[in-house]
Amino acid sequence: MIGPATRVPPIPAGRWYALCVRPPREDPMARLTLKVTGMTCGHCQKRVETALSQVPGVFAAVVDLQDGVAEVDYDDDAATIEELTAAVARAGYAAALDG
């Protein structure tokens, strides 16, 4: 099965191609909660959300300023926890796995 974002080039007349596609996982999305420190305002919150959202494989990132946590929905085959925490660090904040 080819996902909606997969583009297959047109096949020239008279040629045959084999297309190998990894079968989709049952649930490609993982969810994790990061404890984020150093945020003091809505601008900080938005900056962390943007940093996390720009990591390849992240579907959604929601940051709660009051609780100091970020919930991230991501493809754990495409992004790692280290990449997510590094993105927060590049934005100027500290992050660690919550719980």
C-alpha atoms as a PDB file:
ATOM      1  CA  MET A   1       0.000   0.000   0.000  1.00  0.00           C
ATOM      2  CA  ILE A   2       1.326   3.408  -0.896  1.00  0.00           C
ATOM      3  CA  GLY A   3       0.542   6.255   1.482  1.00  0.00           C
ATOM      4  CA  PRO A   4      -1.110   9.459   0.302  1.00  0.00           C
ATOM      5  CA  ALA A   5       2.162  11.417   0.433  1.00  0.00           C
ATOM      6  CA  THR A   6       4.094   8.872  -1.664  1.00  0.00           C
ATOM      7  CA  ARG A   7       4.761   9.986  -5.202  1.00  0.00           C
ATOM      8  CA  VAL A   8       5.513   7.382  -7.835  1.00  0.00           C
ATOM      9  CA  PRO A   9       7.138   8.626 -11.045  1.00  0.00           C
ATOM     10  CA  PRO A  10       5.359   7.783 -14.299  1.00  0.00           C
ATOM     11  CA  ILE A  11       6.567   4.635 -16.044  1.00  0.00           C
ATOM     12  CA  PRO A  12       7.835   5.217 -19.596  1.00  0.00           C
ATOM     13  CA  ALA A  13       6.022   3.216 -22.270  1.00  0.00           C
ATOM     14  CA  GLY A  14       7.473  -0.233 -22.790  1.00  0.00           C
ATOM     15  CA  ARG A  15       9.262  -0.431 -19.425  1.00  0.00           C
ATOM     16  CA  TRP A  16       8.421  -2.301 -16.256  1.00  0.00           C
ATOM     17  CA  TYR A  17       9.487  -1.333 -12.740  1.00  0.00           C
ATOM     18  CA  ALA A  18       9.197  -3.100  -9.432  1.00  0.00           C
ATOM     19  CA  LEU A  19       8.165  -0.923  -6.518  1.00  0.00           C
ATOM     20  CA  CYS A  20       9.172  -2.164  -3.081  1.00  0.00           C
ATOM     21  CA  VAL A  21       7.291  -0.532  -0.247  1.00  0.00           C
ATOM     22  CA  ARG A  22       7.591  -1.418   3.410  1.00  0.00           C
ATOM     23  CA  PRO A  23       4.180  -2.515   4.707  1.00  0.00           C
ATOM     24  CA  PRO A  24       2.565   0.052   7.021  1.00  0.00           C
ATOM     25  CA  ARG A  25       2.789  -0.560  10.732  1.00  0.00           C
ATOM     26  CA  GLU A  26      -0.355  -1.126  12.742  1.00  0.00           C
ATOM     27  CA  ASP A  27       0.185   2.179  14.543  1.00  0.00           C
ATOM     28  CA  PRO A  28       2.973   4.352  13.146  1.00  0.00           C
ATOM     29  CA  MET A  29       2.518   6.947  15.860  1.00  0.00           C
ATOM     30  CA  ALA A  30       4.238   6.990  19.213  1.00  0.00           C
ATOM     31  CA  ARG A  31       3.496   9.511  21.944  1.00  0.00           C
ATOM     32  CA  LEU A  32       5.842  10.814  24.574  1.00  0.00           C
ATOM     33  CA  THR A  33       5.815  13.515  27.205  1.00  0.00           C
ATOM     34  CA  LEU A  34       8.867  15.699  27.754  1.00  0.00           C
ATOM     35  CA  LYS A  35       9.471  17.827  30.839  1.00  0.00           C
ATOM     36  CA  VAL A  36      10.632  21.205  29.523  1.00  0.00           C
ATOM     37  CA  THR A  37      12.364  23.726  31.797  1.00  0.00           C
ATOM     38  CA  GLY A  38      13.206  27.366  31.206  1.00  0.00           C
ATOM     39  CA  MET A  39       9.920  28.490  29.629  1.00  0.00           C
ATOM     40  CA  THR A  40       8.464  31.668  31.110  1.00  0.00           C
ATOM     41  CA  CYS A  41       5.936  32.971  28.569  1.00  0.00           C
ATOM     42  CA  GLY A  42       3.752  32.194  25.587  1.00  0.00           C
ATOM     43  CA  HIS A  43       6.604  33.044  23.229  1.00  0.00           C
ATOM     44  CA  CYS A  44       8.730  30.339  24.891  1.00  0.00           C
ATOM     45  CA  GLN A  45       5.857  27.883  24.539  1.00  0.00           C
ATOM     46  CA  LYS A  46       5.478  28.617  20.823  1.00  0.00           C
ATOM     47  CA  ARG A  47       9.221  28.398  20.258  1.00  0.00           C
ATOM     48  CA  VAL A  48       9.371  24.905  21.800  1.00  0.00           C
ATOM     49  CA  GLU A  49       6.303  23.762  19.804  1.00  0.00           C
ATOM     50  CA  THR A  50       7.888  25.038  16.590  1.00  0.00           C
ATOM     51  CA  ALA A  51      11.246  23.385  17.343  1.00  0.00           C
ATOM     52  CA  LEU A  52       9.597  20.026  17.999  1.00  0.00           C
ATOM     53  CA  SER A  53       7.293  20.297  14.981  1.00  0.00           C
ATOM     54  CA  GLN A  54      10.283  20.802  12.674  1.00  0.00           C
ATOM     55  CA  VAL A  55      11.857  17.453  13.602  1.00  0.00           C
ATOM     56  CA  PRO A  56      11.252  15.016  10.719  1.00  0.00           C
ATOM     57  CA  GLY A  57       8.716  12.403  11.774  1.00  0.00           C
ATOM     58  CA  VAL A  58       6.818  14.602  14.236  1.00  0.00           C
ATOM     59  CA  PHE A  59       3.078  14.696  13.585  1.00  0.00           C
ATOM     60  CA  ALA A  60       2.107  17.080  16.398  1.00  0.00           C
ATOM     61  CA  ALA A  61       3.636  18.856  19.375  1.00  0.00           C
ATOM     62  CA  VAL A  62       1.611  20.556  22.100  1.00  0.00           C
ATOM     63  CA  VAL A  63       3.329  22.419  24.922  1.00  0.00           C
ATOM     64  CA  ASP A  64       1.663  23.224  28.245  1.00  0.00           C
ATOM     65  CA  LEU A  65       3.384  26.282  29.676  1.00  0.00           C
ATOM     66  CA  GLN A  66       1.912  26.004  33.182  1.00  0.00           C
ATOM     67  CA  ASP A  67       2.852  22.349  33.657  1.00  0.00           C
ATOM     68  CA  GLY A  68       6.103  22.658  31.723  1.00  0.00           C
ATOM     69  CA  VAL A  69       5.455  19.617  29.556  1.00  0.00           C
ATOM     70  CA  ALA A  70       5.399  18.894  25.838  1.00  0.00           C
ATOM     71  CA  GLU A  71       3.328  16.073  24.382  1.00  0.00           C
ATOM     72  CA  VAL A  72       4.727  14.862  21.095  1.00  0.00           C
ATOM     73  CA  ASP A  73       3.093  12.507  18.591  1.00  0.00           C
ATOM     74  CA  TYR A  74       5.755  11.152  16.262  1.00  0.00           C
ATOM     75  CA  ASP A  75       6.901   8.248  14.130  1.00  0.00           C
ATOM     76  CA  ASP A  76       9.496   6.489  16.267  1.00  0.00           C
ATOM     77  CA  ASP A  77      11.047   4.984  13.125  1.00  0.00           C
ATOM     78  CA  ALA A  78      11.788   8.502  11.854  1.00  0.00           C
ATOM     79  CA  ALA A  79      12.640  10.440  15.039  1.00  0.00           C
ATOM     80  CA  THR A  80      14.366   9.555  18.286  1.00  0.00           C
ATOM     81  CA  ILE A  81      13.967  10.900  21.798  1.00  0.00           C
ATOM     82  CA  GLU A  82      17.500  12.286  21.528  1.00  0.00           C
ATOM     83  CA  GLU A  83      16.555  14.246  18.385  1.00  0.00           C
ATOM     84  CA  LEU A  84      13.474  15.658  20.112  1.00  0.00           C
ATOM     85  CA  THR A  85      15.357  16.760  23.232  1.00  0.00           C
ATOM     86  CA  ALA A  86      18.145  18.191  21.048  1.00  0.00           C
ATOM     87  CA  ALA A  87      15.593  20.276  19.128  1.00  0.00           C
ATOM     88  CA  VAL A  88      14.319  21.731  22.415  1.00  0.00           C
ATOM     89  CA  ALA A  89      17.913  22.434  23.500  1.00  0.00           C
ATOM     90  CA  ARG A  90      18.638  24.247  20.218  1.00  0.00           C
ATOM     91  CA  ALA A  91      15.573  26.417  20.944  1.00  0.00           C
ATOM     92  CA  GLY A  92      17.217  27.403  24.247  1.00  0.00           C
ATOM     93  CA  TYR A  93      15.423  25.184  26.766  1.00  0.00           C
ATOM     94  CA  ALA A  94      16.115  21.932  28.595  1.00  0.00           C
ATOM     95  CA  ALA A  95      14.036  18.813  28.053  1.00  0.00           C
ATOM     96  CA  ALA A  96      14.007  15.333  29.528  1.00  0.00           C
ATOM     97  CA  LEU A  97      11.683  12.363  29.291  1.00  0.00           C
ATOM     98  CA  ASP A  98       8.847  12.904  31.772  1.00  0.00           C
ATOM     99  CA  GLY A  99       8.066  10.034  34.075  1.00  0.00           C
END
